[in-house]
C-alpha atoms as a PDB file:
ATOM      1  CA  MET A   1       0.215  -0.343   0.151  1.00  0.00           C
ATOM      2  CA  ALA A   2       1.317   3.521  -0.781  1.00  0.00           C
ATOM      3  CA  GLU A   3       2.433   5.594   2.093  1.00  0.00           C
ATOM      4  CA  PRO A   4      -0.320   8.245   2.547  1.00  0.00           C
ATOM      5  CA  SER A   5       0.614  12.225   1.677  1.00  0.00           C
ATOM      6  CA  GLY A   6      -2.211  13.144   4.751  1.00  0.00           C
ATOM      7  CA  LEU A   7      -4.177  14.597   2.224  1.00  0.00           C
ATOM      8  CA  CYS A   8      -7.445  13.076   0.696  1.00  0.00           C
ATOM      9  CA  ALA A   9      -9.913  14.259  -1.778  1.00  0.00           C
ATOM     10  CA  ARG A  10     -12.569  14.472   0.559  1.00  0.00           C
ATOM     11  CA  ASP A  11     -10.428  17.261   2.530  1.00  0.00           C
ATOM     12  CA  LEU A  12     -10.527  19.439  -0.314  1.00  0.00           C
ATOM     13  CA  LEU A  13     -14.710  19.569  -0.245  1.00  0.00           C
ATOM     14  CA  PRO A  14     -16.995  20.830   2.102  1.00  0.00           C
ATOM     15  CA  PRO A  15     -18.550  19.443   5.390  1.00  0.00           C
ATOM     16  CA  THR A  16     -22.223  19.294   3.424  1.00  0.00           C
ATOM     17  CA  PHE A  17     -23.817  18.685   0.049  1.00  0.00           C
ATOM     18  CA  ARG A  18     -26.443  20.448  -1.590  1.00  0.00           C
ATOM     19  CA  GLY A  19     -29.431  18.782  -3.364  1.00  0.00           C
ATOM     20  CA  ILE A  20     -28.535  15.115  -3.102  1.00  0.00           C
ATOM     21  CA  ASP A  21     -31.689  14.099  -1.638  1.00  0.00           C
ATOM     22  CA  ALA A  22     -33.276  15.929  -4.476  1.00  0.00           C
ATOM     23  CA  VAL A  23     -30.569  13.821  -6.843  1.00  0.00           C
ATOM     24  CA  ALA A  24     -31.897  10.779  -5.664  1.00  0.00           C
ATOM     25  CA  ALA A  25     -35.206  11.360  -5.547  1.00  0.00           C
ATOM     26  CA  ARG A  26     -35.503  12.617  -9.890  1.00  0.00           C
ATOM     27  CA  GLU A  27     -33.324   9.184 -10.116  1.00  0.00           C
ATOM     28  CA  LYS A  28     -35.829   7.223  -8.390  1.00  0.00           C
ATOM     29  CA  ASP A  29     -38.664   8.678 -10.733  1.00  0.00           C
ATOM     30  CA  ARG A  30     -36.653   8.078 -13.152  1.00  0.00           C
ATOM     31  CA  ASP A  31     -36.133   4.212 -12.240  1.00  0.00           C
ATOM     32  CA  PRO A  32     -39.448   2.049 -13.866  1.00  0.00           C
ATOM     33  CA  SER A  33     -39.164  -0.370 -10.807  1.00  0.00           C
ATOM     34  CA  LEU A  34     -39.228   2.564  -8.306  1.00  0.00           C
ATOM     35  CA  GLN A  35     -41.522   5.375 -10.222  1.00  0.00           C
ATOM     36  CA  ARG A  36     -44.706   4.112  -8.373  1.00  0.00           C
ATOM     37  CA  GLN A  37     -43.190   3.483  -5.127  1.00  0.00           C
ATOM     38  CA  PRO A  38     -44.059   6.070  -2.575  1.00  0.00           C
ATOM     39  CA  ILE A  39     -41.604   7.137  -0.697  1.00  0.00           C
ATOM     40  CA  PRO A  40     -41.939  10.090   1.967  1.00  0.00           C
ATOM     41  CA  ALA A  41     -40.079  13.417   1.390  1.00  0.00           C
ATOM     42  CA  LEU A  42     -38.904  12.721   4.966  1.00  0.00           C
ATOM     43  CA  ALA A  43     -37.339   9.492   3.619  1.00  0.00           C
ATOM     44  CA  MET A  44     -35.573  11.051   0.975  1.00  0.00           C
ATOM     45  CA  GLY A  45     -34.141  13.393   3.519  1.00  0.00           C
ATOM     46  CA  VAL A  46     -32.140  10.474   4.802  1.00  0.00           C
ATOM     47  CA  VAL A  47     -31.498   8.806   1.845  1.00  0.00           C
ATOM     48  CA  GLY A  48     -29.360  12.382   0.970  1.00  0.00           C
ATOM     49  CA  ASP A  49     -27.916  12.288   4.021  1.00  0.00           C
ATOM     50  CA  LYS A  50     -26.504   8.657   4.008  1.00  0.00           C
ATOM     51  CA  ALA A  51     -25.517   9.328   0.239  1.00  0.00           C
ATOM     52  CA  SER A  52     -23.210  12.343   1.068  1.00  0.00           C
ATOM     53  CA  GLU A  53     -21.917  10.399   3.955  1.00  0.00           C
ATOM     54  CA  ALA A  54     -21.097   7.520   1.266  1.00  0.00           C
ATOM     55  CA  VAL A  55     -19.685   9.769  -1.146  1.00  0.00           C
ATOM     56  CA  ARG A  56     -17.382  11.017   1.268  1.00  0.00           C
ATOM     57  CA  SER A  57     -16.403   7.690   2.408  1.00  0.00           C
ATOM     58  CA  ALA A  58     -15.919   6.794  -1.536  1.00  0.00           C
ATOM     59  CA  LEU A  59     -13.641   9.762  -1.550  1.00  0.00           C
ATOM     60  CA  ASP A  60     -10.992   8.824   0.831  1.00  0.00           C
ATOM     61  CA  LEU A  61      -8.438   8.776  -1.977  1.00  0.00           C
ATOM     62  CA  ASP A  62      -4.820  10.070  -1.705  1.00  0.00           C
ATOM     63  CA  VAL A  63      -4.667  13.112  -3.367  1.00  0.00           C
ATOM     64  CA  PHE A  64      -1.121  12.601  -4.738  1.00  0.00           C
ATOM     65  CA  GLU A  65      -2.235   8.988  -6.013  1.00  0.00           C
ATOM     66  CA  LEU A  66      -4.441  11.251  -8.458  1.00  0.00           C
ATOM     67  CA  ILE A  67      -2.284  13.380  -9.342  1.00  0.00           C
ATOM     68  CA  ALA A  68       0.172  10.596 -10.116  1.00  0.00           C
ATOM     69  CA  GLN A  69      -2.724   9.053 -12.627  1.00  0.00           C
ATOM     70  CA  GLY A  70      -2.924  12.226 -14.224  1.00  0.00           C
ATOM     71  CA  TRP A  71       1.032  12.364 -14.623  1.00  0.00           C
ATOM     72  CA  ALA A  72       0.320   8.880 -16.394  1.00  0.00           C
ATOM     73  CA  LYS A  73      -1.520   9.875 -19.385  1.00  0.00           C
ATOM     74  CA  ALA A  74       0.340  13.168 -20.167  1.00  0.00           C
ATOM     75  CA  ARG A  75       2.108  13.556 -23.172  1.00  0.00           C
ATOM     76  CA  GLU A  76       4.892  15.013 -22.061  1.00  0.00           C
ATOM     77  CA  LEU A  77       5.862  11.753 -20.018  1.00  0.00           C
ATOM     78  CA  GLU A  78       5.299   9.671 -23.210  1.00  0.00           C
ATOM     79  CA  ALA A  79       8.840   9.105 -23.801  1.00  0.00           C
ATOM     80  CA  TYR A  80       8.943   7.209 -20.417  1.00  0.00           C
ATOM     81  CA  ALA A  81       6.514   4.529 -21.083  1.00  0.00           C
ATOM     82  CA  ASP A  82       8.831   3.680 -24.542  1.00  0.00           C
ATOM     83  CA  GLU A  83      11.218   0.613 -23.617  1.00  0.00           C
ATOM     84  CA  THR A  84      13.387   1.563 -26.615  1.00  0.00           C
ATOM     85  CA  LYS A  85      14.207   4.759 -25.107  1.00  0.00           C
ATOM     86  CA  HIS A  86      13.898   3.790 -21.271  1.00  0.00           C
ATOM     87  CA  PRO A  87      14.906   0.292 -21.065  1.00  0.00           C
ATOM     88  CA  PRO A  88      13.078  -1.824 -18.173  1.00  0.00           C
ATOM     89  CA  GLY A  89      15.680  -1.319 -14.751  1.00  0.00           C
ATOM     90  CA  GLU A  90      16.379   2.407 -15.533  1.00  0.00           C
ATOM     91  CA  THR A  91      15.477   5.158 -12.951  1.00  0.00           C
ATOM     92  CA  SER A  92      14.749   8.456 -13.996  1.00  0.00           C
ATOM     93  CA  THR A  93      14.485  11.196 -11.814  1.00  0.00           C
ATOM     94  CA  LEU A  94      12.648  14.344 -13.060  1.00  0.00           C
ATOM     95  CA  PHE A  95      11.796  17.663 -11.634  1.00  0.00           C
ATOM     96  CA  LEU A  96       8.638  19.471 -13.355  1.00  0.00           C
ATOM     97  CA  GLY A  97       7.871  23.147 -13.345  1.00  0.00           C
ATOM     98  CA  LYS A  98       4.846  25.124 -13.681  1.00  0.00           C
ATOM     99  CA  HIS A  99       1.544  23.272 -15.084  1.00  0.00           C
ATOM    100  CA  ASP A 100      -2.217  22.233 -14.633  1.00  0.00           C
ATOM    101  CA  LEU A 101      -3.647  18.989 -14.483  1.00  0.00           C
ATOM    102  CA  SER A 102      -7.512  18.033 -14.104  1.00  0.00           C
ATOM    103  CA  ILE A 103      -8.391  14.983 -12.890  1.00  0.00           C
ATOM    104  CA  GLU A 104     -12.014  13.319 -13.215  1.00  0.00           C
ATOM    105  CA  VAL A 105     -13.113  10.309 -10.249  1.00  0.00           C
ATOM    106  CA  HIS A 106     -16.444   9.030 -10.797  1.00  0.00           C
ATOM    107  CA  PRO A 107     -17.492   7.838  -6.925  1.00  0.00           C
ATOM    108  CA  GLU A 108     -20.584   5.427  -7.306  1.00  0.00           C
ATOM    109  CA  VAL A 109     -23.161   4.828  -4.266  1.00  0.00           C
ATOM    110  CA  THR A 110     -26.084   2.487  -4.400  1.00  0.00           C
ATOM    111  CA  VAL A 111     -29.084   3.597  -2.369  1.00  0.00           C
ATOM    112  CA  LEU A 112     -31.752   0.697  -1.372  1.00  0.00           C
ATOM    113  CA  PHE A 113     -35.011   1.305  -0.908  1.00  0.00           C
ATOM    114  CA  GLY A 114     -35.862  -1.855   1.323  1.00  0.00           C
ATOM    115  CA  GLY A 115     -37.381  -4.276  -0.819  1.00  0.00           C
ATOM    116  CA  LEU A 116     -38.371  -2.127  -3.189  1.00  0.00           C
ATOM    117  CA  GLY A 117     -35.552  -1.860  -5.407  1.00  0.00           C
ATOM    118  CA  LYS A 118     -32.080   0.427  -5.677  1.00  0.00           C
ATOM    119  CA  LEU A 119     -30.399   3.130  -7.514  1.00  0.00           C
ATOM    120  CA  THR A 120     -26.658   3.836  -8.321  1.00  0.00           C
ATOM    121  CA  LEU A 121     -25.829   7.157  -8.467  1.00  0.00           C
ATOM    122  CA  ARG A 122     -22.206   7.947 -10.249  1.00  0.00           C
ATOM    123  CA  PHE A 123     -21.116  11.317  -8.794  1.00  0.00           C
ATOM    124  CA  THR A 124     -18.264  13.213 -10.436  1.00  0.00           C
ATOM    125  CA  LEU A 125     -15.337  14.669  -8.672  1.00  0.00           C
ATOM    126  CA  GLU A 126     -13.383  17.542 -10.710  1.00  0.00           C
ATOM    127  CA  LEU A 127      -9.785  17.970  -9.177  1.00  0.00           C
ATOM    128  CA  SER A 128      -7.948  21.173 -10.417  1.00  0.00           C
ATOM    129  CA  VAL A 129      -3.933  21.445  -9.658  1.00  0.00           C
ATOM    130  CA  ALA A 130      -1.638  23.738 -10.220  1.00  0.00           C
ATOM    131  CA  ILE A 131       1.644  22.447  -9.792  1.00  0.00           C
ATOM    132  CA  GLU A 132       4.444  24.979  -9.093  1.00  0.00           C
ATOM    133  CA  LEU A 133       7.182  22.341  -8.714  1.00  0.00           C
ATOM    134  CA  ALA A 134       7.464  18.580  -8.456  1.00  0.00           C
ATOM    135  CA  GLU A 135       9.973  15.445  -8.126  1.00  0.00           C
ATOM    136  CA  LEU A 136       8.966  12.529  -9.957  1.00  0.00           C
ATOM    137  CA  THR A 137      10.845   9.168  -9.869  1.00  0.00           C
ATOM    138  CA  ILE A 138      10.036   6.668 -12.824  1.00  0.00           C
ATOM    139  CA  VAL A 139      11.424   2.946 -12.616  1.00  0.00           C
ATOM    140  CA  SER A 140      10.662   0.655 -15.818  1.00  0.00           C
ATOM    141  CA  GLN A 141       7.523   2.577 -17.120  1.00  0.00           C
ATOM    142  CA  HIS A 142       6.081   3.406 -13.950  1.00  0.00           C
ATOM    143  CA  ILE A 143       5.668   6.130 -11.396  1.00  0.00           C
ATOM    144  CA  THR A 144       7.366   4.858  -8.362  1.00  0.00           C
ATOM    145  CA  GLU A 145       7.863   7.920  -6.338  1.00  0.00           C
ATOM    146  CA  ILE A 146       6.393  11.355  -5.586  1.00  0.00           C
ATOM    147  CA  GLY A 147       9.125  13.777  -4.093  1.00  0.00           C
ATOM    148  CA  LYS A 148       8.976  17.505  -3.202  1.00  0.00           C
ATOM    149  CA  THR A 149       5.931  19.064  -4.701  1.00  0.00           C
ATOM    150  CA  GLN A 150       4.165  22.412  -4.586  1.00  0.00           C
ATOM    151  CA  CYS A 151       0.803  22.915  -5.630  1.00  0.00           C
ATOM    152  CA  SER A 152      -2.806  24.445  -5.329  1.00  0.00           C
ATOM    153  CA  LEU A 153      -5.473  22.340  -5.519  1.00  0.00           C
ATOM    154  CA  SER A 154      -9.579  22.925  -5.956  1.00  0.00           C
ATOM    155  CA  ALA A 155     -11.905  20.433  -6.081  1.00  0.00           C
ATOM    156  CA  VAL A 156     -16.196  20.361  -7.018  1.00  0.00           C
ATOM    157  CA  LEU A 157     -18.346  17.466  -6.511  1.00  0.00           C
ATOM    158  CA  LYS A 158     -21.414  17.315  -9.227  1.00  0.00           C
ATOM    159  CA  TYR A 159     -23.936  15.084 -10.215  1.00  0.00           C
ATOM    160  CA  GLY A 160     -24.244  15.437 -13.756  1.00  0.00           C
ATOM    161  CA  GLU A 161     -23.491  18.885 -14.894  1.00  0.00           C
ATOM    162  CA  THR A 162     -24.779  20.180 -11.076  1.00  0.00           C
ATOM    163  CA  ALA A 163     -22.046  21.233  -8.699  1.00  0.00           C
ATOM    164  CA  LEU A 164     -23.511  20.232  -5.097  1.00  0.00           C
ATOM    165  CA  HIS A 165     -21.771  23.315  -3.179  1.00  0.00           C
ATOM    166  CA  GLU A 166     -20.469  26.392  -3.786  1.00  0.00           C
ATOM    167  CA  PRO A 167     -16.696  26.859  -5.121  1.00  0.00           C
ATOM    168  CA  LEU A 168     -14.322  26.668  -2.137  1.00  0.00           C
ATOM    169  CA  GLU A 169     -10.972  28.706  -2.551  1.00  0.00           C
ATOM    170  CA  SER A 170      -8.107  26.741  -4.384  1.00  0.00           C
ATOM    171  CA  ARG A 171      -5.820  25.259  -1.081  1.00  0.00           C
ATOM    172  CA  LYS A 172      -1.923  25.370  -1.343  1.00  0.00           C
ATOM    173  CA  TRP A 173       0.128  22.183  -0.420  1.00  0.00           C
ATOM    174  CA  THR A 174       3.606  21.510   0.103  1.00  0.00           C
ATOM    175  CA  LEU A 175       4.418  17.396  -0.147  1.00  0.00           C
ATOM    176  CA  ALA A 176       7.698  17.748   2.058  1.00  0.00           C
ATOM    177  CA  LYS A 177       8.241  13.914   2.312  1.00  0.00           C
ATOM    178  CA  SER A 178       8.086  11.689  -0.263  1.00  0.00           C
ATOM    179  CA  VAL A 179       5.213   9.411  -1.134  1.00  0.00           C
ATOM    180  CA  ARG A 180       6.260   5.701  -2.605  1.00  0.00           C
ATOM    181  CA  LEU A 181       3.441   4.411  -4.786  1.00  0.00           C
ATOM    182  CA  ASP A 182       2.368   0.683  -4.108  1.00  0.00           C
ATOM    183  CA  PRO A 183       1.574  -0.474  -6.762  1.00  0.00           C
ATOM    184  CA  ALA A 184       3.706   1.801  -9.023  1.00  0.00           C
ATOM    185  CA  MET A 185       1.411   4.301 -11.384  1.00  0.00           C
ATOM    186  CA  PRO A 186       1.764   2.589 -15.203  1.00  0.00           C
ATOM    187  CA  LEU A 187       2.489   5.223 -17.700  1.00  0.00           C
ATOM    188  CA  ALA A 188      -0.111   5.211 -20.397  1.00  0.00           C
ATOM    189  CA  PRO A 189       1.841   5.609 -23.892  1.00  0.00           C
ATOM    190  CA  TRP A 190      -0.091   8.794 -25.224  1.00  0.00           C
ATOM    191  CA  ARG A 191       0.024   7.877 -28.891  1.00  0.00           C
ATOM    192  CA  ALA A 192      -1.938   4.597 -28.315  1.00  0.00           C
ATOM    193  CA  ARG A 193      -4.852   6.977 -26.821  1.00  0.00           C
ATOM    194  CA  HIS A 194      -4.747   9.332 -29.256  1.00  0.00           C
ATOM    195  CA  PRO A 195      -3.605   7.931 -32.934  1.00  0.00           C
ATOM    196  CA  ALA A 196      -5.124  10.640 -34.595  1.00  0.00           C
ATOM    197  CA  GLU A 197      -3.101  13.394 -32.926  1.00  0.00           C
ATOM    198  CA  GLY A 198       0.176  11.707 -33.014  1.00  0.00           C
END
């Protein structure tokens, strides 16, 4: 298991979200098996509270592991995914300057309505990262460690296109202690994913 950085995705969000009970009610009314089931508004409020707790639990994800996922897909690191340029066993240390990353995570919550049926709600967490500087270690086409990093982070939780809270101020963070990724994050060849742009 990776060494935690001390910052989880849920730490970038407010303590409460708005409208999750309305989201659950709307999705219930779209589900043919649940459309005609009379569920009191008070019960839907409880559903919203429990769904909020479940989303926060699902977002107990280390922010720097998410950032590593963004770097693993970056065109600028494509050469390090090529074994002919960087053979297996080779260790590379990269120092990255200012750049921005956008990462999406899709936590899902299943809502059970007793014996009546269930709904699966798929949320979107949009994580925006402004990197000032970062140190990466790449071994055998995998990001294995994130060293000293300075960045600003902000996040918004959405359902569809609807934001579930007001935007929060960007949070500055310095990673002073290295984070080892276990398992290491494989680099994804960019051209393989974007052949038309290669």
